[in-house]
Amino acid sequence: MLLRQQYEQMETRFLSPRAVHSNKSRGRLLEEEQCDVRTEFQRDRDRIIHSKSFRRLKHKTQVFIAPEGDHYRTRLTHTLEVSQISRTAARALQLNEDLTEAIALGHDLGHTPFGHAGETVLNELLPGGFRHNEQSLRVVESLEGKGGLNLTWEVRDGILGHTGPLEPLTLEGQLVRICDRIAYINHDIDDALRAGILSFDTLPRDEMDYVGHNGSQRINTMVRDLMQNSTEGACIKISPTLKTVMDSLRRFLFENVYVGSTAKSEEQKAKEVIRMLFQYWVKHPQDLADEPLNQCDCHDTEQVVTDYIAGMTDRYIIAVFEKVFLPRPWK
């Protein structure tokens, strides 16, 4: 018996009937021969980890643009925290941990440089708008490698539905959607405290008393609530009380960290970097790098420019901006 088949038998024995079993996947856009060793969702996880888009997340902003400290979250460390929290909850709920991990690792592959500031300005510039979850799906379906990663339907559904109006159809995808919020609420509080933007005295007291006064306590409270409210039924959910608390904390972060704080002092400059490059390349596509330039023959120029910019890291887009717009010494 193949090792993959042994894993599939283990899933049948140990996973909940509500879980997605890898041998019951809806399949890939392009049919492939199965691996002897890995299940379908394990293959998806590995493809994401080995992708260039995943590696670039280490130099993309989470909240703090160009921080001087080494300990602030990046898009990559956020992704890893979402993966860890999601896997813990998936194991407790007897859901498919491999599927959960693949969705978590791929959910932010389409995020722009400079965090949500980059997403905001591309949404203004691109006809039809820009949403990072849709771009993440675009990355794995067509942009990464030669024609995409050819992931399973379940992973692609989870990536698309991790935010926005359409929720994933699998419990594993729904789990990642909630754990994404658990992760960023907690690590954004932690980073803001480290940066001196928030102090313990300014944190909302009632909410802190309910979830805990340090990151470990808060995550533990939230994950336990999620597990207790998701053990049965056809959806993953948290209690009404925790939802109210998390919504309140999210509003608090918007009012005190995400908008107008010193963490966002460079945000307008970052937006202008993206805006100027976008407008320049739309007018002068011949100045694009070779790979995106070749895409202009068969795709709309605005979309090609958007794909190129969205894939950049913070430091790379700054270097490109300097090359395009700043004078260089005469030789």
Protein backbone atom coordinates (compact mmCIF):
# COMPACT_ATOMS: atom_id res chain seq x y z
CA MET A 1 0.00 0.00 0.00
CA LEU A 2 1.27 3.47 -0.92
CA LEU A 3 2.11 5.91 1.88
CA ARG A 4 -0.50 8.31 0.50
CA GLN A 5 -3.14 5.63 0.80
CA GLN A 6 -2.13 5.01 4.41
CA TYR A 7 -2.61 8.71 5.15
CA GLU A 8 -6.01 8.58 3.48
CA GLN A 9 -7.01 5.62 5.62
CA MET A 10 -5.87 7.50 8.73
CA GLU A 11 -8.09 10.41 7.71
CA THR A 12 -11.04 8.05 7.43
CA ARG A 13 -10.35 6.68 10.91
CA PHE A 14 -9.54 9.87 12.79
CA LEU A 15 -11.15 12.85 11.05
CA SER A 16 -14.67 14.03 11.70
CA PRO A 17 -17.30 13.23 9.06
CA ARG A 18 -17.59 17.02 8.72
CA ALA A 19 -13.96 17.29 7.60
CA VAL A 20 -12.86 17.26 3.97
CA HIS A 21 -11.02 14.01 3.31
CA SER A 22 -8.20 14.36 0.82
CA ASN A 23 -9.35 11.44 -1.33
CA LYS A 24 -12.73 13.18 -1.67
CA SER A 25 -11.32 16.45 -3.02
CA ARG A 26 -13.18 18.07 -5.91
CA GLY A 27 -9.87 18.02 -7.74
CA ARG A 28 -7.70 20.46 -9.65
CA LEU A 29 -8.27 22.69 -12.67
CA LEU A 30 -5.86 20.46 -14.58
CA GLU A 31 -5.95 16.78 -13.76
CA GLU A 32 -2.67 15.34 -12.46
CA GLU A 33 -1.36 11.93 -11.53
CA GLN A 34 -1.49 11.51 -7.75
CA CYS A 35 1.65 11.44 -5.62
CA ASP A 36 2.70 8.12 -4.09
CA VAL A 37 3.74 9.76 -0.81
CA ARG A 38 1.63 12.87 -0.17
CA THR A 39 -2.10 13.49 -0.10
CA GLU A 40 -3.59 16.12 -2.37
CA PHE A 41 -3.70 18.78 0.34
CA GLN A 42 -0.14 18.03 1.47
CA ARG A 43 0.99 18.66 -2.11
CA ASP A 44 -0.85 21.98 -2.15
CA ARG A 45 0.80 23.04 1.10
CA ASP A 46 4.24 22.19 -0.29
CA ARG A 47 3.62 24.04 -3.56
CA ILE A 48 2.66 27.19 -1.67
CA ILE A 49 5.68 27.04 0.65
CA HIS A 50 8.06 26.62 -2.29
CA SER A 51 6.52 29.44 -4.33
CA LYS A 52 8.21 32.78 -4.95
CA SER A 53 5.08 34.59 -3.81
CA PHE A 54 5.34 32.95 -0.40
CA ARG A 55 9.01 33.89 0.00
CA ARG A 56 8.26 37.51 -0.85
CA LEU A 57 5.87 37.80 2.11
CA LYS A 58 8.86 38.20 4.44
CA HIS A 59 9.49 41.68 3.05
CA LYS A 60 5.88 42.87 2.86
CA THR A 61 4.28 45.13 5.46
CA GLN A 62 1.71 43.82 7.91
CA VAL A 63 0.88 47.11 9.69
CA PHE A 64 4.14 48.99 10.28
CA ILE A 65 5.70 50.43 7.11
CA ALA A 66 9.52 50.31 7.19
CA PRO A 67 9.92 49.87 10.96
CA GLU A 68 13.39 50.13 12.45
CA GLY A 69 12.90 47.26 14.90
CA ASP A 70 13.38 43.60 14.00
CA HIS A 71 10.47 42.23 16.02
CA TYR A 72 7.44 43.68 14.24
CA ARG A 73 5.25 41.34 12.25
CA THR A 74 5.59 41.07 8.50
CA ARG A 75 3.09 39.53 6.13
CA LEU A 76 5.03 36.26 6.40
CA THR A 77 5.06 36.05 10.19
CA HIS A 78 1.36 36.92 10.21
CA THR A 79 0.76 34.05 7.79
CA LEU A 80 2.69 31.63 10.00
CA GLU A 81 0.74 32.71 13.08
CA VAL A 82 -2.56 32.19 11.25
CA SER A 83 -1.34 28.76 10.19
CA GLN A 84 -0.34 27.77 13.73
CA ILE A 85 -3.61 28.93 15.32
CA SER A 86 -5.68 27.32 12.57
CA ARG A 87 -3.86 24.01 12.81
CA THR A 88 -4.34 23.84 16.57
CA ALA A 89 -8.08 24.43 16.21
CA ALA A 90 -8.37 22.04 13.26
CA ARG A 91 -6.71 19.24 15.23
CA ALA A 92 -9.03 19.79 18.18
CA LEU A 93 -12.10 19.76 15.93
CA GLN A 94 -10.84 16.72 13.97
CA LEU A 95 -10.82 18.67 10.73
CA ASN A 96 -8.27 18.20 7.96
CA GLU A 97 -5.11 19.83 9.27
CA ASP A 98 -3.30 19.65 5.91
CA LEU A 99 -6.10 21.45 4.09
CA THR A 100 -6.33 24.03 6.86
CA GLU A 101 -2.59 24.66 6.73
CA ALA A 102 -2.55 25.02 2.94
CA ILE A 103 -5.35 27.61 3.03
CA ALA A 104 -3.67 29.55 5.83
CA LEU A 105 -0.28 29.60 4.11
CA GLY A 106 -1.80 30.79 0.83
CA HIS A 107 -4.41 33.25 2.05
CA ASP A 108 -2.31 36.44 1.74
CA LEU A 109 -0.14 35.65 -1.29
CA GLY A 110 -1.86 38.43 -3.23
CA HIS A 111 -1.25 41.15 -0.67
CA THR A 112 0.44 44.30 -1.90
CA PRO A 113 3.57 46.04 -0.66
CA PHE A 114 2.89 48.53 2.17
CA GLY A 115 0.02 46.46 3.57
CA HIS A 116 -3.53 47.74 3.33
CA ALA A 117 -2.28 51.12 2.11
CA GLY A 118 -1.16 49.41 -1.08
CA GLU A 119 -4.45 47.58 -1.39
CA THR A 120 -6.39 50.83 -0.95
CA VAL A 121 -4.58 52.70 -3.71
CA LEU A 122 -4.68 49.80 -6.19
CA ASN A 123 -8.40 49.50 -5.51
CA GLU A 124 -8.73 53.14 -6.58
CA LEU A 125 -6.57 52.76 -9.68
CA LEU A 126 -7.59 49.41 -11.18
CA PRO A 127 -10.84 49.46 -13.17
CA GLY A 128 -13.14 47.07 -11.32
CA GLY A 129 -11.20 47.48 -8.09
CA PHE A 130 -8.59 45.42 -6.26
CA ARG A 131 -9.15 43.01 -3.37
CA HIS A 132 -6.24 41.06 -1.94
CA ASN A 133 -8.19 37.81 -1.50
CA GLU A 134 -9.08 37.82 -5.20
CA GLN A 135 -5.47 38.62 -6.04
CA SER A 136 -4.30 35.72 -3.87
CA LEU A 137 -6.52 33.41 -5.90
CA ARG A 138 -5.18 34.97 -9.10
CA VAL A 139 -1.63 34.29 -7.92
CA VAL A 140 -2.18 30.57 -7.35
CA GLU A 141 -4.37 30.10 -10.43
CA SER A 142 -2.33 31.93 -13.05
CA LEU A 143 0.55 34.17 -11.92
CA GLU A 144 2.83 31.89 -9.91
CA GLY A 145 5.13 29.73 -11.99
CA LYS A 146 4.01 28.78 -15.48
CA GLY A 147 0.25 29.05 -15.31
CA GLY A 148 -0.30 28.86 -11.58
CA LEU A 149 0.12 26.19 -8.91
CA ASN A 150 -2.89 24.09 -9.98
CA LEU A 151 -4.18 23.75 -6.42
CA THR A 152 -7.23 21.76 -5.38
CA TRP A 153 -10.68 23.36 -5.39
CA GLU A 154 -10.90 23.30 -1.58
CA VAL A 155 -7.69 25.30 -1.09
CA ARG A 156 -8.65 27.85 -3.73
CA ASP A 157 -12.12 28.23 -2.19
CA GLY A 158 -10.55 28.85 1.23
CA ILE A 159 -8.09 31.41 -0.11
CA LEU A 160 -10.81 33.38 -1.88
CA GLY A 161 -13.19 33.24 1.07
CA HIS A 162 -10.78 34.11 3.88
CA THR A 163 -12.20 37.65 3.78
CA GLY A 164 -14.99 39.44 1.95
CA PRO A 165 -18.68 38.67 1.55
CA LEU A 166 -18.38 35.05 0.38
CA GLU A 167 -17.50 32.56 3.10
CA PRO A 168 -15.67 29.31 2.28
CA LEU A 169 -17.79 26.22 1.75
CA THR A 170 -15.49 23.96 3.77
CA LEU A 171 -15.20 24.03 7.55
CA GLU A 172 -11.43 24.23 7.15
CA GLY A 173 -11.78 27.40 5.11
CA GLN A 174 -14.22 28.90 7.60
CA LEU A 175 -11.75 28.11 10.37
CA VAL A 176 -8.91 29.97 8.67
CA ARG A 177 -11.22 32.95 8.10
CA ILE A 178 -11.82 33.33 11.85
CA CYS A 179 -8.26 32.47 12.88
CA ASP A 180 -6.95 35.16 10.53
CA ARG A 181 -8.86 37.73 12.57
CA ILE A 182 -7.79 36.17 15.88
CA ALA A 183 -4.16 36.40 14.78
CA TYR A 184 -4.11 39.97 13.53
CA ILE A 185 -6.15 41.45 16.39
CA ASN A 186 -3.70 39.98 18.89
CA HIS A 187 -0.41 40.60 17.12
CA ASP A 188 -1.39 44.13 16.09
CA ILE A 189 -2.07 44.95 19.76
CA ASP A 190 1.30 43.41 20.64
CA ASP A 191 3.18 45.37 17.96
CA ALA A 192 1.44 48.63 18.86
CA LEU A 193 2.39 48.16 22.51
CA ARG A 194 5.99 47.45 21.53
CA ALA A 195 6.06 50.58 19.37
CA GLY A 196 4.66 52.78 22.12
CA ILE A 197 1.58 53.66 20.06
CA LEU A 198 -0.59 51.99 22.68
CA SER A 199 -0.03 51.47 26.39
CA PHE A 200 -1.65 48.92 28.67
CA ASP A 201 -3.63 51.75 30.28
CA THR A 202 -5.19 52.75 26.94
CA LEU A 203 -6.42 49.25 26.02
CA PRO A 204 -10.20 48.83 26.46
CA ARG A 205 -10.53 47.41 29.97
CA ASP A 206 -13.75 45.41 29.65
CA GLU A 207 -12.53 43.66 26.51
CA MET A 208 -9.14 42.90 28.07
CA ASP A 209 -10.74 41.55 31.22
CA TYR A 210 -12.79 39.18 29.06
CA VAL A 211 -10.10 37.84 26.71
CA GLY A 212 -6.93 38.32 28.78
CA HIS A 213 -4.17 40.82 29.41
CA ASN A 214 -1.42 39.25 27.33
CA GLY A 215 -1.26 37.70 23.87
CA SER A 216 -1.14 34.11 25.06
CA GLN A 217 -4.23 34.54 27.25
CA ARG A 218 -6.16 36.34 24.50
CA ILE A 219 -5.43 33.73 21.84
CA ASN A 220 -6.22 30.91 24.27
CA THR A 221 -9.58 32.49 25.16
CA MET A 222 -10.54 33.06 21.55
CA VAL A 223 -9.49 29.63 20.29
CA ARG A 224 -11.23 27.84 23.16
CA ASP A 225 -14.41 29.79 22.43
CA LEU A 226 -14.18 28.89 18.75
CA MET A 227 -13.72 25.20 19.53
CA GLN A 228 -16.55 25.10 22.07
CA ASN A 229 -18.97 26.71 19.61
CA SER A 230 -17.91 24.70 16.55
CA THR A 231 -17.92 21.10 17.78
CA GLU A 232 -21.23 20.39 16.07
CA GLY A 233 -23.19 21.76 13.16
CA ALA A 234 -22.39 22.80 9.64
CA CYS A 235 -20.29 25.92 10.31
CA ILE A 236 -17.39 27.25 12.32
CA LYS A 237 -18.39 30.04 14.69
CA ILE A 238 -17.59 31.92 17.86
CA SER A 239 -19.97 32.95 20.63
CA PRO A 240 -21.99 36.19 20.27
CA THR A 241 -20.12 37.60 23.27
CA LEU A 242 -16.68 36.96 21.78
CA LYS A 243 -17.81 38.34 18.43
CA THR A 244 -18.87 41.56 20.14
CA VAL A 245 -15.52 41.77 21.96
CA MET A 246 -13.49 41.10 18.79
CA ASP A 247 -15.50 43.64 16.79
CA SER A 248 -14.88 46.19 19.54
CA LEU A 249 -11.13 45.47 19.55
CA ARG A 250 -11.01 45.75 15.77
CA ARG A 251 -12.72 49.18 15.92
CA PHE A 252 -10.30 50.21 18.65
CA LEU A 253 -7.33 49.27 16.45
CA PHE A 254 -8.74 51.19 13.49
CA GLU A 255 -9.24 54.29 15.61
CA ASN A 256 -5.92 54.15 17.44
CA VAL A 257 -3.45 52.23 15.26
CA TYR A 258 -4.57 51.68 11.68
CA VAL A 259 -5.62 55.29 10.99
CA GLY A 260 -3.66 58.40 11.87
CA SER A 261 -1.13 56.91 14.30
CA THR A 262 2.64 57.22 14.01
CA ALA A 263 2.60 53.67 12.62
CA LYS A 264 0.95 55.17 9.56
CA SER A 265 3.14 58.27 9.26
CA GLU A 266 4.72 57.04 6.02
CA GLU A 267 1.49 55.69 4.54
CA GLN A 268 0.71 58.61 2.24
CA LYS A 269 4.21 58.45 0.78
CA ALA A 270 3.78 54.72 0.22
CA LYS A 271 0.50 55.31 -1.61
CA GLU A 272 2.13 57.90 -3.86
CA VAL A 273 4.93 55.49 -4.74
CA ILE A 274 2.37 52.96 -5.98
CA ARG A 275 0.19 55.57 -7.66
CA MET A 276 3.06 57.15 -9.59
CA LEU A 277 4.47 53.82 -10.76
CA PHE A 278 1.05 52.56 -11.81
CA GLN A 279 0.30 55.67 -13.84
CA TYR A 280 3.76 55.71 -15.37
CA TRP A 281 3.70 52.09 -16.54
CA VAL A 282 0.16 52.33 -17.90
CA LYS A 283 1.38 55.19 -20.11
CA HIS A 284 4.77 53.60 -20.81
CA PRO A 285 4.31 49.81 -20.75
CA GLN A 286 7.46 49.43 -22.85
CA ASP A 287 9.44 50.34 -19.72
CA LEU A 288 8.12 47.37 -17.74
CA ALA A 289 10.42 44.48 -16.90
CA ASP A 290 10.52 41.71 -19.49
CA GLU A 291 8.12 39.30 -17.76
CA PRO A 292 5.20 41.74 -17.26
CA LEU A 293 5.93 43.36 -20.63
CA ASN A 294 5.38 40.01 -22.35
CA GLN A 295 2.03 39.70 -20.57
CA CYS A 296 0.80 42.93 -22.19
CA ASP A 297 0.38 41.09 -25.50
CA CYS A 298 -2.49 39.01 -24.14
CA HIS A 299 -3.74 40.89 -21.05
CA ASP A 300 -5.08 44.34 -20.22
CA THR A 301 -2.23 46.73 -19.40
CA GLU A 302 -3.82 47.99 -16.17
CA GLN A 303 -4.16 44.39 -14.92
CA VAL A 304 -0.58 43.54 -15.88
CA VAL A 305 0.73 46.59 -14.04
CA THR A 306 -1.42 45.75 -11.02
CA ASP A 307 -0.12 42.17 -10.95
CA TYR A 308 3.46 43.43 -11.18
CA ILE A 309 3.08 45.99 -8.39
CA ALA A 310 1.07 43.70 -6.10
CA GLY A 311 3.82 41.09 -6.29
CA MET A 312 6.57 43.48 -5.19
CA THR A 313 8.07 43.66 -1.73
CA ASP A 314 8.28 46.97 0.11
CA ARG A 315 11.99 47.43 -0.43
CA TYR A 316 11.90 46.35 -4.07
CA ILE A 317 9.18 48.81 -5.05
CA ILE A 318 11.12 51.62 -3.33
CA ALA A 319 14.23 50.64 -5.31
CA VAL A 320 12.24 50.57 -8.55
CA PHE A 321 10.66 53.94 -7.75
CA GLU A 322 14.09 55.48 -7.24
CA LYS A 323 15.29 54.02 -10.53
CA VAL A 324 12.29 55.31 -12.48
CA PHE A 325 11.81 58.76 -10.94
CA LEU A 326 15.01 59.91 -9.23
CA PRO A 327 17.95 61.31 -11.21
CA ARG A 328 21.08 59.24 -11.33
CA PRO A 329 24.65 60.51 -11.52
CA TRP A 330 25.93 61.11 -15.03
CA LYS A 331 28.71 58.76 -16.08
